[in-house]
Amino acid sequence: MQFRILGPVEIQDERTGLRILPTGAKQRALLGALVVKSGHVVSVHRLIDELWGENPPANATNALQAHVARLRRLLPVPEPGSGEPHHEWIVTRSLGYVLRPGRSTTDAQRFNELAARGRAAAADDPQQATELLRDALALWRGPALEGSVRGDICAAEAAQLEENRLTALETLYDACLRAARHDEIIGELEELTTDHPMRERFYDLLMVALYRCGRQAEALSVYDRARKRLVHELGVEPGPALRGRMDAILQHDPGLAAPGAPDRVASVVAMPLPPRPPGPLPGAGPDATVLSLSGEIARLQHRIERLSLEHEELMRRFDRLVAQPAAGQ
């Protein structure tokens, strides 16, 4: 049997293939809390907090017992010789209740195992890493513990699982770049930067993917979008990693080249260009001129922004220095 919490809480009976869904928010919260703390006693007090928060009913202990009894009836009875705990999944202890997992697993455990294997394979075998990580992410059916988050136990677990999911996504797309599959992931990364605008790593990966597809101006515009969002929402500048990526793109850093093509990119960057004749080059159409101008405009915009920031900082320092004598009088 598998307890599934990567989405709405449910139970998968592997003997029959049937899905068992708890009815009611409190039933889902109770099962979710017991699964999260599987193998450990959860006190009556904590379970009451999990189900009712700061406004428990006068008969909260009796109400909890009734919910536990209904949940026990919902769980399938293990077959003799299956190795599962006989009849009772949920056991009463002196201080509370414990879910005995037996040979059962959770989809969260499976996700973490696949994600760990994907991370381990990323450096040496990015293709295998992408397969493992996509298998891990395919286990998600929605937000973790959806419909069960009423108290601290499920809320903390849901937050940790979501962080694990986002980290797995970052590792997945980094592996895709290592496998030279940059052209396949641009749309997915665009969506992720919209859904998680404070997550700088997604902007970073998107910039590299666009640059490798020959879309330098768009890569720089992604940085501009990230910076404006961070400044507007948090009042902070992008971190060193994202700023460094922008500088690398402006300088055509050979390290940005896709695997299998570094020599070609490096030679283009290292080779000195001949003097450019006045006017457009022979055979160069308007598209080439537009692309050249867009890249130059993007570079100038970033220089202007940097100078503006330096000016603002100098003015703040000037104002502080001017105010010091007045404060001492």
C-alpha atoms as a PDB file:
ATOM      1  CA  MET A   1       0.000   0.000   0.000  1.00  0.00           C
ATOM      2  CA  GLN A   2       1.195   3.505  -0.745  1.00  0.00           C
ATOM      3  CA  PHE A   3       0.264   6.678   1.084  1.00  0.00           C
ATOM      4  CA  ARG A   4       0.278   9.557  -1.387  1.00  0.00           C
ATOM      5  CA  ILE A   5       0.804  13.140  -0.230  1.00  0.00           C
ATOM      6  CA  LEU A   6       2.252  14.809  -3.367  1.00  0.00           C
ATOM      7  CA  GLY A   7      -1.146  16.297  -4.083  1.00  0.00           C
ATOM      8  CA  PRO A   8      -4.433  15.583  -2.289  1.00  0.00           C
ATOM      9  CA  VAL A   9      -3.919  12.960   0.431  1.00  0.00           C
ATOM     10  CA  GLU A  10      -4.963   9.506  -0.728  1.00  0.00           C
ATOM     11  CA  ILE A  11      -4.162   5.824  -0.299  1.00  0.00           C
ATOM     12  CA  GLN A  12      -3.236   3.538  -3.178  1.00  0.00           C
ATOM     13  CA  ASP A  13      -4.140  -0.103  -2.561  1.00  0.00           C
ATOM     14  CA  GLU A  14      -1.502  -1.872  -4.640  1.00  0.00           C
ATOM     15  CA  ARG A  15      -3.357  -5.203  -4.457  1.00  0.00           C
ATOM     16  CA  THR A  16      -6.428  -3.884  -6.239  1.00  0.00           C
ATOM     17  CA  GLY A  17      -5.161  -0.646  -7.788  1.00  0.00           C
ATOM     18  CA  LEU A  18      -7.957   1.234  -6.031  1.00  0.00           C
ATOM     19  CA  ARG A  19      -7.488   4.761  -4.719  1.00  0.00           C
ATOM     20  CA  ILE A  20      -8.957   5.462  -1.299  1.00  0.00           C
ATOM     21  CA  LEU A  21      -9.821   9.105  -0.656  1.00  0.00           C
ATOM     22  CA  PRO A  22     -10.564  10.399   2.851  1.00  0.00           C
ATOM     23  CA  THR A  23     -13.776  12.404   2.985  1.00  0.00           C
ATOM     24  CA  GLY A  24     -13.833  15.743   4.721  1.00  0.00           C
ATOM     25  CA  ALA A  25     -11.102  18.245   5.494  1.00  0.00           C
ATOM     26  CA  LYS A  26     -10.475  16.946   9.024  1.00  0.00           C
ATOM     27  CA  GLN A  27     -10.127  13.344   7.835  1.00  0.00           C
ATOM     28  CA  ARG A  28      -7.569  14.484   5.260  1.00  0.00           C
ATOM     29  CA  ALA A  29      -5.713  16.579   7.841  1.00  0.00           C
ATOM     30  CA  LEU A  30      -5.633  13.672  10.304  1.00  0.00           C
ATOM     31  CA  LEU A  31      -4.319  11.201   7.738  1.00  0.00           C
ATOM     32  CA  GLY A  32      -1.831  13.754   6.423  1.00  0.00           C
ATOM     33  CA  ALA A  33      -0.415  14.443   9.893  1.00  0.00           C
ATOM     34  CA  LEU A  34      -0.116  10.730  10.715  1.00  0.00           C
ATOM     35  CA  VAL A  35       1.592   9.978   7.378  1.00  0.00           C
ATOM     36  CA  VAL A  36       4.042  12.860   7.830  1.00  0.00           C
ATOM     37  CA  LYS A  37       4.916  11.545  11.307  1.00  0.00           C
ATOM     38  CA  SER A  38       4.732   7.899  10.215  1.00  0.00           C
ATOM     39  CA  GLY A  39       6.298   5.572  12.783  1.00  0.00           C
ATOM     40  CA  HIS A  40       6.201   8.235  15.505  1.00  0.00           C
ATOM     41  CA  VAL A  41       3.558   8.921  18.122  1.00  0.00           C
ATOM     42  CA  VAL A  42       1.617  12.127  17.518  1.00  0.00           C
ATOM     43  CA  SER A  43       0.119  13.430  20.735  1.00  0.00           C
ATOM     44  CA  VAL A  44      -3.597  14.033  21.141  1.00  0.00           C
ATOM     45  CA  HIS A  45      -2.851  17.683  21.862  1.00  0.00           C
ATOM     46  CA  ARG A  46      -0.947  18.144  18.581  1.00  0.00           C
ATOM     47  CA  LEU A  47      -3.619  16.381  16.563  1.00  0.00           C
ATOM     48  CA  ILE A  48      -6.321  18.582  18.090  1.00  0.00           C
ATOM     49  CA  ASP A  49      -4.252  21.636  17.124  1.00  0.00           C
ATOM     50  CA  GLU A  50      -3.804  20.189  13.639  1.00  0.00           C
ATOM     51  CA  LEU A  51      -7.531  19.679  13.095  1.00  0.00           C
ATOM     52  CA  TRP A  52      -9.102  22.624  14.935  1.00  0.00           C
ATOM     53  CA  GLY A  53      -6.330  25.151  15.552  1.00  0.00           C
ATOM     54  CA  GLU A  54      -7.077  27.723  18.240  1.00  0.00           C
ATOM     55  CA  ASN A  55     -10.810  26.973  18.360  1.00  0.00           C
ATOM     56  CA  PRO A  56     -11.239  23.315  19.323  1.00  0.00           C
ATOM     57  CA  PRO A  57     -14.687  22.084  20.366  1.00  0.00           C
ATOM     58  CA  ALA A  58     -15.405  21.418  24.026  1.00  0.00           C
ATOM     59  CA  ASN A  59     -15.350  17.673  23.354  1.00  0.00           C
ATOM     60  CA  ALA A  60     -12.237  17.784  21.123  1.00  0.00           C
ATOM     61  CA  THR A  61     -10.735  14.557  22.493  1.00  0.00           C
ATOM     62  CA  ASN A  62     -13.922  12.589  21.826  1.00  0.00           C
ATOM     63  CA  ALA A  63     -14.261  14.174  18.387  1.00  0.00           C
ATOM     64  CA  LEU A  64     -10.670  13.176  17.569  1.00  0.00           C
ATOM     65  CA  GLN A  65     -11.365   9.592  18.660  1.00  0.00           C
ATOM     66  CA  ALA A  66     -14.350   9.497  16.303  1.00  0.00           C
ATOM     67  CA  HIS A  67     -12.225  10.733  13.386  1.00  0.00           C
ATOM     68  CA  VAL A  68      -9.556   8.116  14.143  1.00  0.00           C
ATOM     69  CA  ALA A  69     -12.184   5.358  14.234  1.00  0.00           C
ATOM     70  CA  ARG A  70     -13.573   6.406  10.838  1.00  0.00           C
ATOM     71  CA  LEU A  71     -10.077   6.577   9.377  1.00  0.00           C
ATOM     72  CA  ARG A  72      -9.295   3.072  10.648  1.00  0.00           C
ATOM     73  CA  ARG A  73     -12.369   1.722   8.886  1.00  0.00           C
ATOM     74  CA  LEU A  74     -11.229   3.419   5.689  1.00  0.00           C
ATOM     75  CA  LEU A  75      -7.824   1.714   5.587  1.00  0.00           C
ATOM     76  CA  PRO A  76      -7.695  -1.707   3.869  1.00  0.00           C
ATOM     77  CA  VAL A  77      -7.089  -4.814   5.951  1.00  0.00           C
ATOM     78  CA  PRO A  78      -3.715  -6.431   5.111  1.00  0.00           C
ATOM     79  CA  GLU A  79      -3.776  -9.994   3.834  1.00  0.00           C
ATOM     80  CA  PRO A  80      -2.280 -12.730   6.058  1.00  0.00           C
ATOM     81  CA  GLY A  81       1.415 -13.208   5.322  1.00  0.00           C
ATOM     82  CA  SER A  82       1.723  -9.843   3.570  1.00  0.00           C
ATOM     83  CA  GLY A  83       4.121  -8.545   6.205  1.00  0.00           C
ATOM     84  CA  GLU A  84       1.898  -5.556   6.919  1.00  0.00           C
ATOM     85  CA  PRO A  85       0.736  -4.789  10.488  1.00  0.00           C
ATOM     86  CA  HIS A  86      -2.224  -7.071  11.204  1.00  0.00           C
ATOM     87  CA  HIS A  87      -5.457  -5.136  10.796  1.00  0.00           C
ATOM     88  CA  GLU A  88      -4.409  -1.947  12.574  1.00  0.00           C
ATOM     89  CA  TRP A  89      -2.487   0.693  10.676  1.00  0.00           C
ATOM     90  CA  ILE A  90      -3.269   3.306  13.320  1.00  0.00           C
ATOM     91  CA  VAL A  91      -2.356   2.260  16.854  1.00  0.00           C
ATOM     92  CA  THR A  92      -3.398   3.986  20.077  1.00  0.00           C
ATOM     93  CA  ARG A  93      -0.622   4.863  22.502  1.00  0.00           C
ATOM     94  CA  SER A  94      -0.818   6.422  25.957  1.00  0.00           C
ATOM     95  CA  LEU A  95      -0.119   9.914  24.639  1.00  0.00           C
ATOM     96  CA  GLY A  96      -1.636   9.763  21.174  1.00  0.00           C
ATOM     97  CA  TYR A  97      -1.661   7.791  17.938  1.00  0.00           C
ATOM     98  CA  VAL A  98       0.933   6.332  15.588  1.00  0.00           C
ATOM     99  CA  LEU A  99       0.695   5.196  11.975  1.00  0.00           C
ATOM    100  CA  ARG A 100       2.681   1.975  11.587  1.00  0.00           C
ATOM    101  CA  PRO A 101       3.977   1.935   7.999  1.00  0.00           C
ATOM    102  CA  GLY A 102       4.951  -1.741   7.752  1.00  0.00           C
ATOM    103  CA  ARG A 103       6.046  -2.314   4.151  1.00  0.00           C
ATOM    104  CA  SER A 104       4.010   0.577   2.864  1.00  0.00           C
ATOM    105  CA  THR A 105       5.711   3.572   1.304  1.00  0.00           C
ATOM    106  CA  THR A 106       4.863   7.145   0.447  1.00  0.00           C
ATOM    107  CA  ASP A 107       5.127   8.879  -2.899  1.00  0.00           C
ATOM    108  CA  ALA A 108       7.220  11.536  -1.146  1.00  0.00           C
ATOM    109  CA  GLN A 109       9.827   8.908  -0.255  1.00  0.00           C
ATOM    110  CA  ARG A 110       9.899   7.717  -3.856  1.00  0.00           C
ATOM    111  CA  PHE A 111      10.234  11.299  -5.106  1.00  0.00           C
ATOM    112  CA  ASN A 112      13.160  12.032  -2.784  1.00  0.00           C
ATOM    113  CA  GLU A 113      14.922   8.788  -3.811  1.00  0.00           C
ATOM    114  CA  LEU A 114      14.611   9.508  -7.545  1.00  0.00           C
ATOM    115  CA  ALA A 115      15.618  13.155  -7.083  1.00  0.00           C
ATOM    116  CA  ALA A 116      18.724  12.129  -5.118  1.00  0.00           C
ATOM    117  CA  ARG A 117      19.721   9.677  -7.857  1.00  0.00           C
ATOM    118  CA  GLY A 118      19.175  12.396 -10.447  1.00  0.00           C
ATOM    119  CA  ARG A 119      21.408  14.832  -8.571  1.00  0.00           C
ATOM    120  CA  ALA A 120      24.118  12.183  -8.256  1.00  0.00           C
ATOM    121  CA  ALA A 121      24.036  11.482 -12.004  1.00  0.00           C
ATOM    122  CA  ALA A 122      23.869  15.111 -13.158  1.00  0.00           C
ATOM    123  CA  ALA A 123      27.597  15.756 -13.540  1.00  0.00           C
ATOM    124  CA  ASP A 124      28.610  12.533 -15.312  1.00  0.00           C
ATOM    125  CA  ASP A 125      25.422  11.462 -17.094  1.00  0.00           C
ATOM    126  CA  PRO A 126      23.068  14.419 -17.591  1.00  0.00           C
ATOM    127  CA  GLN A 127      20.814  12.414 -19.904  1.00  0.00           C
ATOM    128  CA  GLN A 128      20.139   9.824 -17.206  1.00  0.00           C
ATOM    129  CA  ALA A 129      19.732  12.628 -14.673  1.00  0.00           C
ATOM    130  CA  THR A 130      16.987  14.260 -16.742  1.00  0.00           C
ATOM    131  CA  GLU A 131      15.108  10.950 -16.992  1.00  0.00           C
ATOM    132  CA  LEU A 132      15.327  10.295 -13.252  1.00  0.00           C
ATOM    133  CA  LEU A 133      14.290  13.818 -12.343  1.00  0.00           C
ATOM    134  CA  ARG A 134      11.351  13.848 -14.749  1.00  0.00           C
ATOM    135  CA  ASP A 135      10.204  10.521 -13.286  1.00  0.00           C
ATOM    136  CA  ALA A 136      10.445  12.056  -9.814  1.00  0.00           C
ATOM    137  CA  LEU A 137       8.498  15.173 -10.762  1.00  0.00           C
ATOM    138  CA  ALA A 138       5.819  13.113 -12.523  1.00  0.00           C
ATOM    139  CA  LEU A 139       4.773  11.784  -9.099  1.00  0.00           C
ATOM    140  CA  TRP A 140       3.317  15.177  -8.213  1.00  0.00           C
ATOM    141  CA  ARG A 141      -0.454  15.483  -8.679  1.00  0.00           C
ATOM    142  CA  GLY A 142      -0.784  18.989  -7.244  1.00  0.00           C
ATOM    143  CA  PRO A 143       0.443  20.976  -4.220  1.00  0.00           C
ATOM    144  CA  ALA A 144       1.744  18.702  -1.469  1.00  0.00           C
ATOM    145  CA  LEU A 145      -0.927  17.702   1.077  1.00  0.00           C
ATOM    146  CA  GLU A 146      -3.495  19.707  -0.844  1.00  0.00           C
ATOM    147  CA  GLY A 147      -6.674  20.058   1.190  1.00  0.00           C
ATOM    148  CA  SER A 148      -4.954  18.803   4.353  1.00  0.00           C
ATOM    149  CA  VAL A 149      -2.966  21.824   5.505  1.00  0.00           C
ATOM    150  CA  ARG A 150      -4.778  23.033   8.606  1.00  0.00           C
ATOM    151  CA  GLY A 151      -1.997  22.970  11.223  1.00  0.00           C
ATOM    152  CA  ASP A 152       1.741  23.134  11.729  1.00  0.00           C
ATOM    153  CA  ILE A 153       2.582  19.489  10.972  1.00  0.00           C
ATOM    154  CA  CYS A 154       1.167  19.440   7.450  1.00  0.00           C
ATOM    155  CA  ALA A 155       2.104  23.064   6.734  1.00  0.00           C
ATOM    156  CA  ALA A 156       5.784  22.508   7.552  1.00  0.00           C
ATOM    157  CA  GLU A 157       5.930  19.297   5.521  1.00  0.00           C
ATOM    158  CA  ALA A 158       4.163  20.876   2.547  1.00  0.00           C
ATOM    159  CA  ALA A 159       6.620  23.790   2.549  1.00  0.00           C
ATOM    160  CA  GLN A 160       9.628  21.438   2.688  1.00  0.00           C
ATOM    161  CA  LEU A 161       8.282  19.227  -0.088  1.00  0.00           C
ATOM    162  CA  GLU A 162       7.621  22.260  -2.294  1.00  0.00           C
ATOM    163  CA  GLU A 163      11.193  23.441  -1.750  1.00  0.00           C
ATOM    164  CA  ASN A 164      12.414  19.955  -2.689  1.00  0.00           C
ATOM    165  CA  ARG A 165      10.287  20.083  -5.847  1.00  0.00           C
ATOM    166  CA  LEU A 166      11.687  23.449  -6.924  1.00  0.00           C
ATOM    167  CA  THR A 167      15.242  22.286  -6.243  1.00  0.00           C
ATOM    168  CA  ALA A 168      14.589  19.192  -8.363  1.00  0.00           C
ATOM    169  CA  LEU A 169      13.326  21.425 -11.175  1.00  0.00           C
ATOM    170  CA  GLU A 170      16.488  23.526 -10.999  1.00  0.00           C
ATOM    171  CA  THR A 171      18.620  20.379 -11.129  1.00  0.00           C
ATOM    172  CA  LEU A 172      16.565  19.024 -14.026  1.00  0.00           C
ATOM    173  CA  TYR A 173      17.019  22.089 -16.227  1.00  0.00           C
ATOM    174  CA  ASP A 174      20.690  22.360 -15.333  1.00  0.00           C
ATOM    175  CA  ALA A 175      21.050  18.740 -16.496  1.00  0.00           C
ATOM    176  CA  CYS A 176      19.169  19.595 -19.699  1.00  0.00           C
ATOM    177  CA  LEU A 177      21.699  22.350 -20.383  1.00  0.00           C
ATOM    178  CA  ARG A 178      24.553  19.930 -19.702  1.00  0.00           C
ATOM    179  CA  ALA A 179      22.957  17.547 -22.213  1.00  0.00           C
ATOM    180  CA  ALA A 180      22.762  20.353 -24.845  1.00  0.00           C
ATOM    181  CA  ARG A 181      18.948  20.298 -24.796  1.00  0.00           C
ATOM    182  CA  HIS A 182      18.640  24.050 -24.305  1.00  0.00           C
ATOM    183  CA  ASP A 183      16.164  24.514 -27.149  1.00  0.00           C
ATOM    184  CA  GLU A 184      13.662  22.138 -25.467  1.00  0.00           C
ATOM    185  CA  ILE A 185      13.316  23.911 -22.128  1.00  0.00           C
ATOM    186  CA  ILE A 186      12.800  27.588 -22.931  1.00  0.00           C
ATOM    187  CA  GLY A 187       9.006  27.444 -22.743  1.00  0.00           C
ATOM    188  CA  GLU A 188       9.044  25.548 -19.434  1.00  0.00           C
ATOM    189  CA  LEU A 189      11.523  27.985 -17.907  1.00  0.00           C
ATOM    190  CA  GLU A 190       9.493  30.976 -19.097  1.00  0.00           C
ATOM    191  CA  GLU A 191       6.504  29.538 -17.242  1.00  0.00           C
ATOM    192  CA  LEU A 192       8.557  28.913 -14.104  1.00  0.00           C
ATOM    193  CA  THR A 193       9.891  32.480 -14.002  1.00  0.00           C
ATOM    194  CA  THR A 194       6.275  33.637 -14.105  1.00  0.00           C
ATOM    195  CA  ASP A 195       5.095  31.207 -11.422  1.00  0.00           C
ATOM    196  CA  HIS A 196       8.122  31.755  -9.148  1.00  0.00           C
ATOM    197  CA  PRO A 197       9.336  35.303  -9.859  1.00  0.00           C
ATOM    198  CA  MET A 198      11.581  35.468  -6.765  1.00  0.00           C
ATOM    199  CA  ARG A 199      13.505  32.324  -7.725  1.00  0.00           C
ATOM    200  CA  GLU A 200      16.641  33.733  -9.397  1.00  0.00           C
ATOM    201  CA  ARG A 201      17.950  30.355 -10.519  1.00  0.00           C
ATOM    202  CA  PHE A 202      15.118  29.939 -13.033  1.00  0.00           C
ATOM    203  CA  TYR A 203      16.016  33.288 -14.650  1.00  0.00           C
ATOM    204  CA  ASP A 204      19.663  32.203 -14.747  1.00  0.00           C
ATOM    205  CA  LEU A 205      18.876  28.926 -16.523  1.00  0.00           C
ATOM    206  CA  LEU A 206      16.539  30.666 -18.967  1.00  0.00           C
ATOM    207  CA  MET A 207      19.205  33.231 -19.864  1.00  0.00           C
ATOM    208  CA  VAL A 208      21.695  30.469 -20.695  1.00  0.00           C
ATOM    209  CA  ALA A 209      19.146  28.548 -22.767  1.00  0.00           C
ATOM    210  CA  LEU A 210      18.234  31.651 -24.782  1.00  0.00           C
ATOM    211  CA  TYR A 211      21.869  32.627 -25.303  1.00  0.00           C
ATOM    212  CA  ARG A 212      22.729  29.171 -26.625  1.00  0.00           C
ATOM    213  CA  CYS A 213      19.856  29.476 -29.089  1.00  0.00           C
ATOM    214  CA  GLY A 214      21.408  32.680 -30.448  1.00  0.00           C
ATOM    215  CA  ARG A 215      18.868  34.917 -28.692  1.00  0.00           C
ATOM    216  CA  GLN A 216      21.239  37.193 -26.784  1.00  0.00           C
ATOM    217  CA  ALA A 217      18.959  40.232 -26.662  1.00  0.00           C
ATOM    218  CA  GLU A 218      16.144  38.129 -25.191  1.00  0.00           C
ATOM    219  CA  ALA A 219      18.537  36.651 -22.635  1.00  0.00           C
ATOM    220  CA  LEU A 220      19.472  40.154 -21.506  1.00  0.00           C
ATOM    221  CA  SER A 221      15.825  41.178 -21.363  1.00  0.00           C
ATOM    222  CA  VAL A 222      15.209  38.268 -18.961  1.00  0.00           C
ATOM    223  CA  TYR A 223      17.810  39.755 -16.615  1.00  0.00           C
ATOM    224  CA  ASP A 224      16.133  43.137 -16.907  1.00  0.00           C
ATOM    225  CA  ARG A 225      12.759  41.578 -16.066  1.00  0.00           C
ATOM    226  CA  ALA A 226      14.207  39.751 -13.066  1.00  0.00           C
ATOM    227  CA  ARG A 227      15.918  42.870 -11.744  1.00  0.00           C
ATOM    228  CA  LYS A 228      12.808  45.024 -12.026  1.00  0.00           C
ATOM    229  CA  ARG A 229      10.719  42.400 -10.241  1.00  0.00           C
ATOM    230  CA  LEU A 230      13.202  41.959  -7.397  1.00  0.00           C
ATOM    231  CA  VAL A 231      13.651  45.691  -6.905  1.00  0.00           C
ATOM    232  CA  HIS A 232       9.904  46.321  -7.008  1.00  0.00           C
ATOM    233  CA  GLU A 233       8.864  43.411  -4.756  1.00  0.00           C
ATOM    234  CA  LEU A 234      11.795  43.141  -2.326  1.00  0.00           C
ATOM    235  CA  GLY A 235      13.849  46.291  -2.794  1.00  0.00           C
ATOM    236  CA  VAL A 236      16.996  44.277  -3.582  1.00  0.00           C
ATOM    237  CA  GLU A 237      19.254  43.844  -6.586  1.00  0.00           C
ATOM    238  CA  PRO A 238      19.817  40.435  -8.214  1.00  0.00           C
ATOM    239  CA  GLY A 239      22.404  38.266  -6.506  1.00  0.00           C
ATOM    240  CA  PRO A 240      26.014  37.828  -7.654  1.00  0.00           C
ATOM    241  CA  ALA A 241      25.242  34.679  -9.667  1.00  0.00           C
ATOM    242  CA  LEU A 242      22.612  36.353 -11.833  1.00  0.00           C
ATOM    243  CA  ARG A 243      24.671  39.535 -12.267  1.00  0.00           C
ATOM    244  CA  GLY A 244      27.656  37.402 -13.233  1.00  0.00           C
ATOM    245  CA  ARG A 245      25.554  35.571 -15.807  1.00  0.00           C
ATOM    246  CA  MET A 246      24.501  38.858 -17.377  1.00  0.00           C
ATOM    247  CA  ASP A 247      28.139  40.002 -17.581  1.00  0.00           C
ATOM    248  CA  ALA A 248      29.153  36.673 -19.137  1.00  0.00           C
ATOM    249  CA  ILE A 249      26.492  37.043 -21.826  1.00  0.00           C
ATOM    250  CA  LEU A 250      27.580  40.595 -22.622  1.00  0.00           C
ATOM    251  CA  GLN A 251      31.181  39.406 -22.953  1.00  0.00           C
ATOM    252  CA  HIS A 252      30.284  36.268 -24.962  1.00  0.00           C
ATOM    253  CA  ASP A 253      32.024  34.134 -22.338  1.00  0.00           C
ATOM    254  CA  PRO A 254      33.154  30.837 -23.957  1.00  0.00           C
ATOM    255  CA  GLY A 255      32.003  29.034 -20.811  1.00  0.00           C
ATOM    256  CA  LEU A 256      28.407  29.607 -21.916  1.00  0.00           C
ATOM    257  CA  ALA A 257      28.835  27.362 -24.939  1.00  0.00           C
ATOM    258  CA  ALA A 258      26.765  24.208 -25.144  1.00  0.00           C
ATOM    259  CA  PRO A 259      28.619  20.918 -24.533  1.00  0.00           C
ATOM    260  CA  GLY A 260      30.182  19.728 -27.772  1.00  0.00           C
ATOM    261  CA  ALA A 261      30.553  23.238 -29.187  1.00  0.00           C
ATOM    262  CA  PRO A 262      32.979  25.135 -26.897  1.00  0.00           C
ATOM    263  CA  ASP A 263      35.837  25.294 -29.387  1.00  0.00           C
ATOM    264  CA  ARG A 264      33.653  26.874 -32.031  1.00  0.00           C
ATOM    265  CA  VAL A 265      32.315  29.540 -29.685  1.00  0.00           C
ATOM    266  CA  ALA A 266      35.691  30.210 -28.117  1.00  0.00           C
ATOM    267  CA  SER A 267      37.313  30.714 -31.507  1.00  0.00           C
ATOM    268  CA  VAL A 268      34.641  33.193 -32.519  1.00  0.00           C
ATOM    269  CA  VAL A 269      35.132  35.179 -29.330  1.00  0.00           C
ATOM    270  CA  ALA A 270      38.925  35.088 -29.364  1.00  0.00           C
ATOM    271  CA  MET A 271      39.433  35.976 -33.031  1.00  0.00           C
ATOM    272  CA  PRO A 272      39.968  39.747 -33.546  1.00  0.00           C
ATOM    273  CA  LEU A 273      37.437  41.305 -35.873  1.00  0.00           C
ATOM    274  CA  PRO A 274      38.599  43.251 -38.948  1.00  0.00           C
ATOM    275  CA  PRO A 275      37.791  46.964 -39.151  1.00  0.00           C
ATOM    276  CA  ARG A 276      34.140  47.395 -40.013  1.00  0.00           C
ATOM    277  CA  PRO A 277      33.477  49.318 -43.235  1.00  0.00           C
ATOM    278  CA  PRO A 278      31.080  52.241 -43.086  1.00  0.00           C
ATOM    279  CA  GLY A 279      27.449  51.368 -43.758  1.00  0.00           C
ATOM    280  CA  PRO A 280      25.902  47.916 -43.791  1.00  0.00           C
ATOM    281  CA  LEU A 281      28.034  44.956 -44.783  1.00  0.00           C
ATOM    282  CA  PRO A 282      27.538  43.570 -48.281  1.00  0.00           C
ATOM    283  CA  GLY A 283      24.713  41.044 -48.250  1.00  0.00           C
ATOM    284  CA  ALA A 284      23.589  42.037 -44.758  1.00  0.00           C
ATOM    285  CA  GLY A 285      19.841  42.483 -44.669  1.00  0.00           C
ATOM    286  CA  PRO A 286      17.714  44.601 -42.343  1.00  0.00           C
ATOM    287  CA  ASP A 287      17.261  41.651 -39.943  1.00  0.00           C
ATOM    288  CA  ALA A 288      20.994  41.507 -39.245  1.00  0.00           C
ATOM    289  CA  THR A 289      21.064  45.256 -38.589  1.00  0.00           C
ATOM    290  CA  VAL A 290      18.118  44.991 -36.189  1.00  0.00           C
ATOM    291  CA  LEU A 291      19.734  42.131 -34.271  1.00  0.00           C
ATOM    292  CA  SER A 292      23.010  44.019 -34.004  1.00  0.00           C
ATOM    293  CA  LEU A 293      21.247  47.157 -32.803  1.00  0.00           C
ATOM    294  CA  SER A 294      19.105  45.274 -30.279  1.00  0.00           C
ATOM    295  CA  GLY A 295      22.178  43.732 -28.695  1.00  0.00           C
ATOM    296  CA  GLU A 296      23.954  47.086 -28.546  1.00  0.00           C
ATOM    297  CA  ILE A 297      20.872  48.775 -27.083  1.00  0.00           C
ATOM    298  CA  ALA A 298      20.612  46.103 -24.385  1.00  0.00           C
ATOM    299  CA  ARG A 299      24.270  46.598 -23.459  1.00  0.00           C
ATOM    300  CA  LEU A 300      23.819  50.358 -23.240  1.00  0.00           C
ATOM    301  CA  GLN A 301      20.681  49.987 -21.131  1.00  0.00           C
ATOM    302  CA  HIS A 302      22.531  47.893 -18.587  1.00  0.00           C
ATOM    303  CA  ARG A 303      25.406  50.373 -18.455  1.00  0.00           C
ATOM    304  CA  ILE A 304      22.951  53.210 -17.881  1.00  0.00           C
ATOM    305  CA  GLU A 305      21.225  51.272 -15.094  1.00  0.00           C
ATOM    306  CA  ARG A 306      24.522  50.594 -13.368  1.00  0.00           C
ATOM    307  CA  LEU A 307      25.560  54.231 -13.573  1.00  0.00           C
ATOM    308  CA  SER A 308      22.170  55.265 -12.234  1.00  0.00           C
ATOM    309  CA  LEU A 309      22.527  52.940  -9.255  1.00  0.00           C
ATOM    310  CA  GLU A 310      26.031  54.232  -8.541  1.00  0.00           C
ATOM    311  CA  HIS A 311      24.719  57.787  -8.718  1.00  0.00           C
ATOM    312  CA  GLU A 312      21.907  57.013  -6.269  1.00  0.00           C
ATOM    313  CA  GLU A 313      24.333  55.418  -3.816  1.00  0.00           C
ATOM    314  CA  LEU A 314      26.714  58.380  -4.029  1.00  0.00           C
ATOM    315  CA  MET A 315      23.841  60.783  -3.384  1.00  0.00           C
ATOM    316  CA  ARG A 316      22.771  58.809  -0.315  1.00  0.00           C
ATOM    317  CA  ARG A 317      26.322  58.884   1.032  1.00  0.00           C
ATOM    318  CA  PHE A 318      26.541  62.609   0.302  1.00  0.00           C
ATOM    319  CA  ASP A 319      23.289  63.271   2.174  1.00  0.00           C
ATOM    320  CA  ARG A 320      24.544  61.318   5.188  1.00  0.00           C
ATOM    321  CA  LEU A 321      27.799  63.251   5.253  1.00  0.00           C
ATOM    322  CA  VAL A 322      25.984  66.585   5.002  1.00  0.00           C
ATOM    323  CA  ALA A 323      23.620  65.610   7.816  1.00  0.00           C
ATOM    324  CA  GLN A 324      26.403  64.613  10.244  1.00  0.00           C
ATOM    325  CA  PRO A 325      27.524  68.139  11.356  1.00  0.00           C
ATOM    326  CA  ALA A 326      23.911  69.158  11.904  1.00  0.00           C
ATOM    327  CA  ALA A 327      23.316  66.118  14.077  1.00  0.00           C
ATOM    328  CA  GLY A 328      26.325  66.985  16.245  1.00  0.00           C
ATOM    329  CA  GLN A 329      25.250  70.542  16.993  1.00  0.00           C
END
